[in-house]
Amino acid sequence: MPGARTSAEAAASMADIAGEGPLYVWDQKRRPTINDVARLAEVSKKTVSRVINQSPLVNDETRQKIAKVIADIGYEPDPQARGLASQRSFLLGVVYDNPNGQYIVNIQNGILEACRKSGFELVVHPCARNSPQFLKEVRQFVERQKLDGVILLPPVSEDEALAAMLTEVGCRFVRIACVPLDMAAHLVVYEDYKGAAEVADHLVQLGHRRIGFVAGPAHYRSAHERRRGFADGLARHGLGLTPELCVEGAYTFESGQACAEKLLSLETPPTAIFASNDEMAAGIYRVAFQHGISIPGQLTVVGFDDSPLASRTCPAMTTVRLPATQMGQMAAEKLIKRIEQPDAKLLETVVQPHLVIRESSGTIR
């Protein structure tokens, strides 16, 4: 889904279509104004403003003429003036409560890429979902910043009271989630269930039968979907999750270490461990090294996310690729389209994870 373009990009594009060189030469010592554009294009300032804000009330010939002037003299609309004219702030917010710092960075990079194409800016709001002040603080954030829209990251995106509050205050939002929680216009869905089921297939095909599982925190929907997908994948091969081989982590490196200590200290430890994210899988690597357990010779380790960490570990980690940057960009583009074209019908946005097999996968010998 393409993002909206800035007026400068639109102008340059129109000038290219016209196939013309610069008609207007500007003295770079002075910054051009909207009045200069109106004078050179021989139109009113209001008409220039309409073109900048992509109003349909301007004919194509006039629009292209104004766009040509804008491109030639390098005019950049003042963001505050643009906001006043359109009654918009051109600010998007992102709200999150997630311990996985790399995931947040990757999502934000995708959102910023969409913002760069559309003239919007990003404001971030880390929060504590379990705080009694959670809804009040998010509402204050939205109203104080006068946001045009908000992107919600899991597990915050799973909060129905938050979605209801944003609807009440008239703030558009898009939720990134692992299951369809809302109508298509409000969602970017990634199918954790399928990714985890693919891990089960992979480990069984390698010959593993005693398989450890490190779950994510129970208050995350993703943790439930990854567990469910993994369990169903094992069941297709006549296997199940063994209770003593299942431990719960917190999506952090430290919790991965603690879980690995439990699993690898068993009288009969697992030959493979599936961790519900790469951070916890890296914690397993650390403990395996400390115990003198080789990966993949004695232990196969699989993560989930395919963060940069996965390809930098030694040996490189097998993991489920979850394209967080792409998801952030898709969510921002969908939100911007909702803002720019309120009546547009937006289709379902689904991201499919897939397994990336690297050096941490080993067969049973």
Protein backbone atom coordinates (compact mmCIF):
# COMPACT_ATOMS: atom_id res chain seq x y z
CA MET A 1 0.00 0.00 0.00
CA PRO A 2 1.78 3.19 -1.11
CA GLY A 3 2.08 6.04 1.36
CA ALA A 4 0.85 9.56 0.65
CA ARG A 5 3.47 11.84 -0.92
CA THR A 6 4.71 15.19 0.26
CA SER A 7 3.91 18.19 -1.90
CA ALA A 8 7.56 18.44 -2.97
CA GLU A 9 7.60 14.79 -4.10
CA ALA A 10 4.30 15.24 -5.90
CA ALA A 11 5.60 18.37 -7.58
CA ALA A 12 8.79 16.71 -8.72
CA SER A 13 6.80 13.81 -10.09
CA MET A 14 4.49 16.11 -12.04
CA ALA A 15 7.43 18.04 -13.41
CA ASP A 16 9.00 14.80 -14.61
CA ILE A 17 5.77 13.80 -16.32
CA ALA A 18 5.68 17.14 -18.11
CA GLY A 19 9.22 16.48 -19.34
CA GLU A 20 10.29 20.06 -18.82
CA GLY A 21 13.42 21.65 -17.35
CA PRO A 22 13.19 24.40 -14.72
CA LEU A 23 11.19 27.42 -15.85
CA TYR A 24 11.68 29.36 -12.63
CA VAL A 25 15.12 30.09 -11.12
CA TRP A 26 15.20 31.02 -7.45
CA ASP A 27 17.75 32.96 -5.41
CA GLN A 28 18.80 30.38 -2.80
CA LYS A 29 19.68 33.13 -0.30
CA ARG A 30 16.00 33.54 0.52
CA ARG A 31 13.57 30.81 1.43
CA PRO A 32 10.56 30.82 -0.92
CA THR A 33 7.10 31.37 0.55
CA ILE A 34 3.60 30.39 -0.46
CA ASN A 35 3.13 33.96 -1.68
CA ASP A 36 6.07 33.50 -4.08
CA VAL A 37 4.50 30.32 -5.44
CA ALA A 38 1.15 32.07 -5.94
CA ARG A 39 2.81 35.05 -7.70
CA LEU A 40 4.89 32.92 -10.09
CA ALA A 41 1.99 30.57 -10.87
CA GLU A 42 -0.36 33.54 -11.26
CA VAL A 43 -2.96 32.09 -8.93
CA SER A 44 -4.29 32.90 -5.47
CA LYS A 45 -2.62 31.75 -2.28
CA LYS A 46 -5.75 29.75 -1.50
CA THR A 47 -5.37 27.79 -4.73
CA VAL A 48 -1.75 26.97 -3.86
CA SER A 49 -2.89 25.83 -0.42
CA ARG A 50 -5.46 23.53 -2.00
CA VAL A 51 -2.79 21.91 -4.17
CA ILE A 52 -0.47 21.44 -1.19
CA ASN A 53 -3.26 19.76 0.79
CA GLN A 54 -4.28 17.62 -2.20
CA SER A 55 -7.76 19.12 -2.53
CA PRO A 56 -9.78 17.88 -5.54
CA LEU A 57 -11.09 21.43 -6.11
CA VAL A 58 -8.28 22.37 -8.53
CA ASN A 59 -8.18 21.42 -12.22
CA ASP A 60 -5.26 19.35 -13.50
CA GLU A 61 -3.71 22.12 -15.62
CA THR A 62 -3.55 24.55 -12.67
CA ARG A 63 -2.37 21.80 -10.33
CA GLN A 64 0.53 20.89 -12.62
CA LYS A 65 1.47 24.54 -13.10
CA ILE A 66 1.63 25.11 -9.34
CA ALA A 67 3.50 21.84 -8.83
CA LYS A 68 6.04 22.95 -11.42
CA VAL A 69 6.69 26.20 -9.57
CA ILE A 70 7.01 24.37 -6.24
CA ALA A 71 9.53 21.93 -7.72
CA ASP A 72 11.58 24.61 -9.51
CA ILE A 73 11.98 27.01 -6.60
CA GLY A 74 12.24 24.35 -3.89
CA TYR A 75 9.29 25.54 -1.83
CA GLU A 76 8.62 23.50 1.34
CA PRO A 77 5.30 24.16 3.11
CA ASP A 78 5.56 25.21 6.75
CA PRO A 79 4.32 22.22 8.80
CA GLN A 80 2.49 24.40 11.34
CA ALA A 81 0.76 26.41 8.65
CA ARG A 82 -0.08 23.24 6.78
CA GLY A 83 -1.57 21.78 9.93
CA LEU A 84 -3.66 24.87 10.59
CA ALA A 85 -4.95 24.92 7.03
CA SER A 86 -5.97 21.26 7.09
CA GLN A 87 -6.91 21.13 10.80
CA ARG A 88 -4.43 18.30 11.24
CA SER A 89 -1.23 17.95 13.26
CA PHE A 90 0.59 15.57 10.86
CA LEU A 91 1.68 13.64 13.95
CA LEU A 92 1.36 9.88 14.43
CA GLY A 93 1.82 8.24 17.80
CA VAL A 94 3.05 4.77 18.70
CA VAL A 95 2.02 3.28 22.05
CA TYR A 96 3.82 0.24 23.45
CA ASP A 97 4.60 -1.77 26.57
CA ASN A 98 7.04 -4.46 25.41
CA PRO A 99 10.33 -5.69 26.94
CA ASN A 100 11.86 -6.57 23.55
CA GLY A 101 13.82 -3.43 22.65
CA GLN A 102 14.95 -4.68 19.23
CA TYR A 103 11.37 -5.45 18.21
CA ILE A 104 10.31 -1.91 19.12
CA VAL A 105 13.21 -0.40 17.14
CA ASN A 106 12.40 -2.50 14.08
CA ILE A 107 8.71 -1.54 14.19
CA GLN A 108 9.59 2.14 14.59
CA ASN A 109 11.98 2.01 11.63
CA GLY A 110 9.12 0.80 9.45
CA ILE A 111 6.78 3.50 10.74
CA LEU A 112 9.42 6.19 10.12
CA GLU A 113 9.89 4.99 6.54
CA ALA A 114 6.18 5.51 5.89
CA CYS A 115 6.29 8.91 7.64
CA ARG A 116 9.19 10.07 5.46
CA LYS A 117 7.09 9.42 2.36
CA SER A 118 4.04 11.26 3.63
CA GLY A 119 5.15 14.33 5.58
CA PHE A 120 4.08 12.95 8.97
CA GLU A 121 6.21 12.88 12.12
CA LEU A 122 6.30 10.20 14.82
CA VAL A 123 5.85 10.61 18.59
CA VAL A 124 6.46 7.60 20.84
CA HIS A 125 4.79 6.75 24.14
CA PRO A 126 6.12 3.86 26.23
CA CYS A 127 3.60 2.93 28.89
CA ALA A 128 2.75 0.43 31.62
CA ARG A 129 -0.33 -1.49 30.55
CA ASN A 130 -1.00 -2.77 34.07
CA SER A 131 -0.90 0.68 35.65
CA PRO A 132 -4.21 2.01 37.04
CA GLN A 133 -3.43 5.25 35.14
CA PHE A 134 -2.83 3.47 31.82
CA LEU A 135 -5.91 4.65 29.90
CA LYS A 136 -5.80 8.14 31.41
CA GLU A 137 -2.14 8.59 30.44
CA VAL A 138 -2.65 7.39 26.86
CA ARG A 139 -5.65 9.69 26.50
CA GLN A 140 -3.60 12.64 27.76
CA PHE A 141 -0.82 11.73 25.30
CA VAL A 142 -3.24 11.66 22.35
CA GLU A 143 -4.99 14.90 23.29
CA ARG A 144 -1.86 16.81 24.34
CA GLN A 145 -0.04 16.00 21.10
CA LYS A 146 -3.24 16.44 19.01
CA LEU A 147 -2.37 13.22 17.19
CA ASP A 148 -3.94 12.40 13.84
CA GLY A 149 -3.63 8.70 14.58
CA VAL A 150 -2.00 6.05 16.76
CA ILE A 151 -0.31 2.70 16.09
CA LEU A 152 -0.70 0.18 18.90
CA LEU A 153 1.90 -2.55 19.44
CA PRO A 154 1.26 -5.82 21.25
CA PRO A 155 0.32 -6.46 23.99
CA VAL A 156 -1.16 -2.93 24.24
CA SER A 157 -2.92 -3.54 20.91
CA GLU A 158 -4.89 -6.36 22.56
CA ASP A 159 -6.54 -4.00 25.06
CA GLU A 160 -10.20 -3.52 24.08
CA ALA A 161 -10.73 -0.73 26.62
CA LEU A 162 -7.93 1.23 24.94
CA ALA A 163 -9.46 0.73 21.49
CA ALA A 164 -12.82 1.91 22.84
CA MET A 165 -11.24 5.00 24.41
CA LEU A 166 -9.50 5.98 21.16
CA THR A 167 -12.78 5.59 19.29
CA GLU A 168 -14.49 7.77 21.88
CA VAL A 169 -11.99 10.63 21.50
CA GLY A 170 -12.05 10.35 17.69
CA CYS A 171 -8.44 9.23 17.24
CA ARG A 172 -7.86 6.82 14.37
CA PHE A 173 -5.72 3.79 15.18
CA VAL A 174 -4.19 0.66 13.70
CA ARG A 175 -3.44 -2.38 15.84
CA ILE A 176 -0.58 -4.79 15.18
CA ALA A 177 -1.72 -8.15 16.52
CA CYS A 178 -1.29 -11.90 16.09
CA VAL A 179 -5.03 -12.60 15.72
CA PRO A 180 -7.91 -10.65 14.09
CA LEU A 181 -9.09 -8.46 16.96
CA ASP A 182 -10.93 -5.83 14.96
CA MET A 183 -12.20 -4.80 11.54
CA ALA A 184 -9.70 -4.95 8.66
CA ALA A 185 -9.17 -1.17 8.57
CA HIS A 186 -7.79 -1.28 12.12
CA LEU A 187 -5.42 -4.22 11.78
CA VAL A 188 -2.10 -5.61 10.64
CA VAL A 189 -2.15 -9.29 11.58
CA TYR A 190 0.88 -11.59 11.83
CA GLU A 191 0.16 -15.31 12.10
CA ASP A 192 2.31 -16.55 14.97
CA TYR A 193 0.38 -19.82 15.06
CA LYS A 194 1.63 -20.89 11.64
CA GLY A 195 5.23 -19.93 12.40
CA ALA A 196 5.29 -21.99 15.60
CA ALA A 197 3.69 -24.97 13.87
CA GLU A 198 6.45 -24.83 11.25
CA VAL A 199 9.05 -25.07 14.05
CA ALA A 200 7.41 -28.28 15.30
CA ASP A 201 7.57 -29.80 11.82
CA HIS A 202 11.24 -28.84 11.51
CA LEU A 203 12.32 -30.33 14.84
CA VAL A 204 10.45 -33.59 14.31
CA GLN A 205 11.95 -33.94 10.82
CA LEU A 206 15.41 -33.59 12.40
CA GLY A 207 14.58 -36.58 14.58
CA HIS A 208 13.94 -34.82 17.90
CA ARG A 209 11.36 -36.29 20.24
CA ARG A 210 12.31 -34.84 23.63
CA ILE A 211 11.70 -31.17 22.90
CA GLY A 212 11.77 -28.30 25.38
CA PHE A 213 9.53 -25.26 25.01
CA VAL A 214 10.10 -21.80 26.50
CA ALA A 215 6.79 -19.92 26.38
CA GLY A 216 6.29 -16.18 26.41
CA PRO A 217 4.52 -14.39 29.29
CA ALA A 218 0.93 -15.51 29.76
CA HIS A 219 -0.54 -11.99 29.41
CA TYR A 220 0.64 -11.80 25.77
CA ARG A 221 -1.70 -13.14 23.11
CA SER A 222 1.37 -13.96 21.02
CA ALA A 223 2.59 -16.33 23.76
CA HIS A 224 -0.67 -18.28 23.57
CA GLU A 225 -0.66 -18.38 19.76
CA ARG A 226 2.95 -19.60 19.63
CA ARG A 227 2.26 -22.28 22.23
CA ARG A 228 -0.94 -23.37 20.48
CA GLY A 229 0.75 -23.52 17.08
CA PHE A 230 3.71 -25.48 18.45
CA ALA A 231 1.47 -27.94 20.33
CA ASP A 232 -0.75 -28.52 17.29
CA GLY A 233 2.32 -28.97 15.08
CA LEU A 234 3.69 -31.64 17.43
CA ALA A 235 0.28 -33.32 17.62
CA ARG A 236 0.27 -33.82 13.85
CA HIS A 237 3.30 -36.05 14.40
CA GLY A 238 1.81 -37.93 17.33
CA LEU A 239 3.74 -35.94 19.93
CA GLY A 240 2.74 -33.60 22.73
CA LEU A 241 4.19 -30.92 24.99
CA THR A 242 5.74 -32.68 27.99
CA PRO A 243 4.89 -30.67 31.16
CA GLU A 244 8.38 -30.95 32.67
CA LEU A 245 9.85 -29.61 29.40
CA CYS A 246 7.59 -26.52 29.28
CA VAL A 247 8.64 -23.36 31.14
CA GLU A 248 7.43 -19.76 30.97
CA GLY A 249 9.77 -16.87 30.21
CA ALA A 250 9.28 -13.12 29.96
CA TYR A 251 10.54 -12.42 26.40
CA THR A 252 13.88 -11.29 27.92
CA PHE A 253 17.45 -12.62 27.73
CA GLU A 254 17.58 -13.11 31.49
CA SER A 255 14.37 -15.16 31.56
CA GLY A 256 15.77 -17.31 28.75
CA GLN A 257 18.78 -18.05 30.93
CA ALA A 258 16.60 -18.98 33.91
CA CYS A 259 14.44 -21.28 31.78
CA ALA A 260 17.48 -22.93 30.21
CA GLU A 261 18.92 -23.66 33.66
CA LYS A 262 15.73 -25.56 34.53
CA LEU A 263 15.58 -27.52 31.28
CA LEU A 264 19.25 -28.37 30.95
CA SER A 265 19.53 -29.43 34.61
CA LEU A 266 16.93 -32.19 34.19
CA GLU A 267 18.12 -35.76 34.60
CA THR A 268 17.18 -36.29 30.95
CA PRO A 269 17.45 -32.87 29.29
CA PRO A 270 15.82 -32.06 25.97
CA THR A 271 17.72 -32.52 22.70
CA ALA A 272 16.03 -29.42 21.25
CA ILE A 273 14.49 -26.26 22.70
CA PHE A 274 12.09 -23.90 20.98
CA ALA A 275 12.13 -20.45 22.59
CA SER A 276 9.22 -18.09 21.86
CA ASN A 277 11.54 -15.23 20.91
CA ASP A 278 15.18 -14.69 19.96
CA GLU A 279 16.09 -12.89 23.19
CA MET A 280 15.17 -15.95 25.26
CA ALA A 281 16.87 -18.23 22.74
CA ALA A 282 20.07 -16.20 23.20
CA GLY A 283 19.78 -16.80 26.94
CA ILE A 284 19.68 -20.53 26.22
CA TYR A 285 22.87 -20.19 24.15
CA ARG A 286 24.59 -18.58 27.16
CA VAL A 287 23.63 -21.35 29.58
CA ALA A 288 24.52 -24.10 27.07
CA PHE A 289 27.98 -22.57 26.73
CA GLN A 290 28.38 -22.41 30.51
CA HIS A 291 27.40 -26.09 30.82
CA GLY A 292 29.70 -27.18 28.01
CA ILE A 293 26.77 -28.21 25.80
CA SER A 294 27.48 -27.75 22.11
CA ILE A 295 24.96 -26.24 19.70
CA PRO A 296 23.89 -27.97 17.50
CA GLY A 297 25.95 -31.08 18.34
CA GLN A 298 24.14 -31.79 21.63
CA LEU A 299 21.33 -29.28 21.56
CA THR A 300 19.25 -27.71 18.80
CA VAL A 301 17.93 -24.21 19.57
CA VAL A 302 15.21 -22.38 17.62
CA GLY A 303 14.00 -18.84 18.27
CA PHE A 304 11.20 -16.60 16.99
CA ASP A 305 11.39 -13.09 15.40
CA ASP A 306 14.58 -13.27 13.29
CA SER A 307 15.94 -10.17 14.97
CA PRO A 308 19.49 -9.08 13.97
CA LEU A 309 20.67 -11.03 17.02
CA ALA A 310 19.74 -14.35 15.38
CA SER A 311 22.21 -14.09 12.51
CA ARG A 312 24.97 -12.70 14.79
CA THR A 313 25.04 -15.55 17.29
CA CYS A 314 27.56 -18.35 16.89
CA PRO A 315 26.34 -20.68 15.57
CA ALA A 316 23.77 -18.61 13.65
CA MET A 317 20.29 -19.21 15.04
CA THR A 318 17.41 -20.98 13.33
CA THR A 319 14.34 -18.83 13.93
CA VAL A 320 10.94 -17.81 12.63
CA ARG A 321 11.17 -14.63 10.60
CA LEU A 322 8.69 -12.01 11.69
CA PRO A 323 9.20 -8.94 9.47
CA ALA A 324 8.71 -6.31 12.17
CA THR A 325 10.01 -3.41 10.05
CA GLN A 326 7.63 -4.29 7.24
CA MET A 327 4.75 -4.60 9.70
CA GLY A 328 5.49 -1.16 11.11
CA GLN A 329 5.53 0.34 7.63
CA MET A 330 2.30 -1.43 6.65
CA ALA A 331 0.57 -0.24 9.82
CA ALA A 332 1.65 3.38 9.26
CA GLU A 333 0.65 3.33 5.60
CA LYS A 334 -2.76 1.95 6.50
CA LEU A 335 -3.21 4.58 9.21
CA ILE A 336 -2.14 7.42 6.91
CA LYS A 337 -4.57 6.22 4.27
CA ARG A 338 -7.34 6.22 6.88
CA ILE A 339 -6.42 9.82 7.71
CA GLU A 340 -6.03 11.03 4.12
CA GLN A 341 -8.99 9.08 2.69
CA PRO A 342 -11.53 8.51 5.47
CA ASP A 343 -14.00 6.79 3.13
CA ALA A 344 -11.51 4.39 1.54
CA LYS A 345 -12.25 0.68 1.96
CA LEU A 346 -9.12 -0.92 3.41
CA LEU A 347 -8.46 -4.61 2.93
CA GLU A 348 -7.18 -7.14 5.43
CA THR A 349 -3.41 -6.94 6.00
CA VAL A 350 -1.88 -10.30 6.94
CA VAL A 351 1.84 -11.02 7.37
CA GLN A 352 2.99 -14.63 7.04
CA PRO A 353 5.97 -15.71 9.20
CA HIS A 354 8.32 -18.42 7.93
CA LEU A 355 11.17 -20.49 9.31
CA VAL A 356 14.77 -19.48 8.54
CA ILE A 357 17.01 -22.51 9.01
CA ARG A 358 20.55 -21.75 10.13
CA GLU A 359 23.40 -23.45 11.96
CA SER A 360 21.70 -24.09 15.33
CA SER A 361 19.60 -26.91 13.86
CA GLY A 362 21.07 -30.38 14.28
CA THR A 363 19.86 -33.91 13.67
CA ILE A 364 19.69 -36.62 16.33
CA ARG A 365 22.74 -38.86 16.09
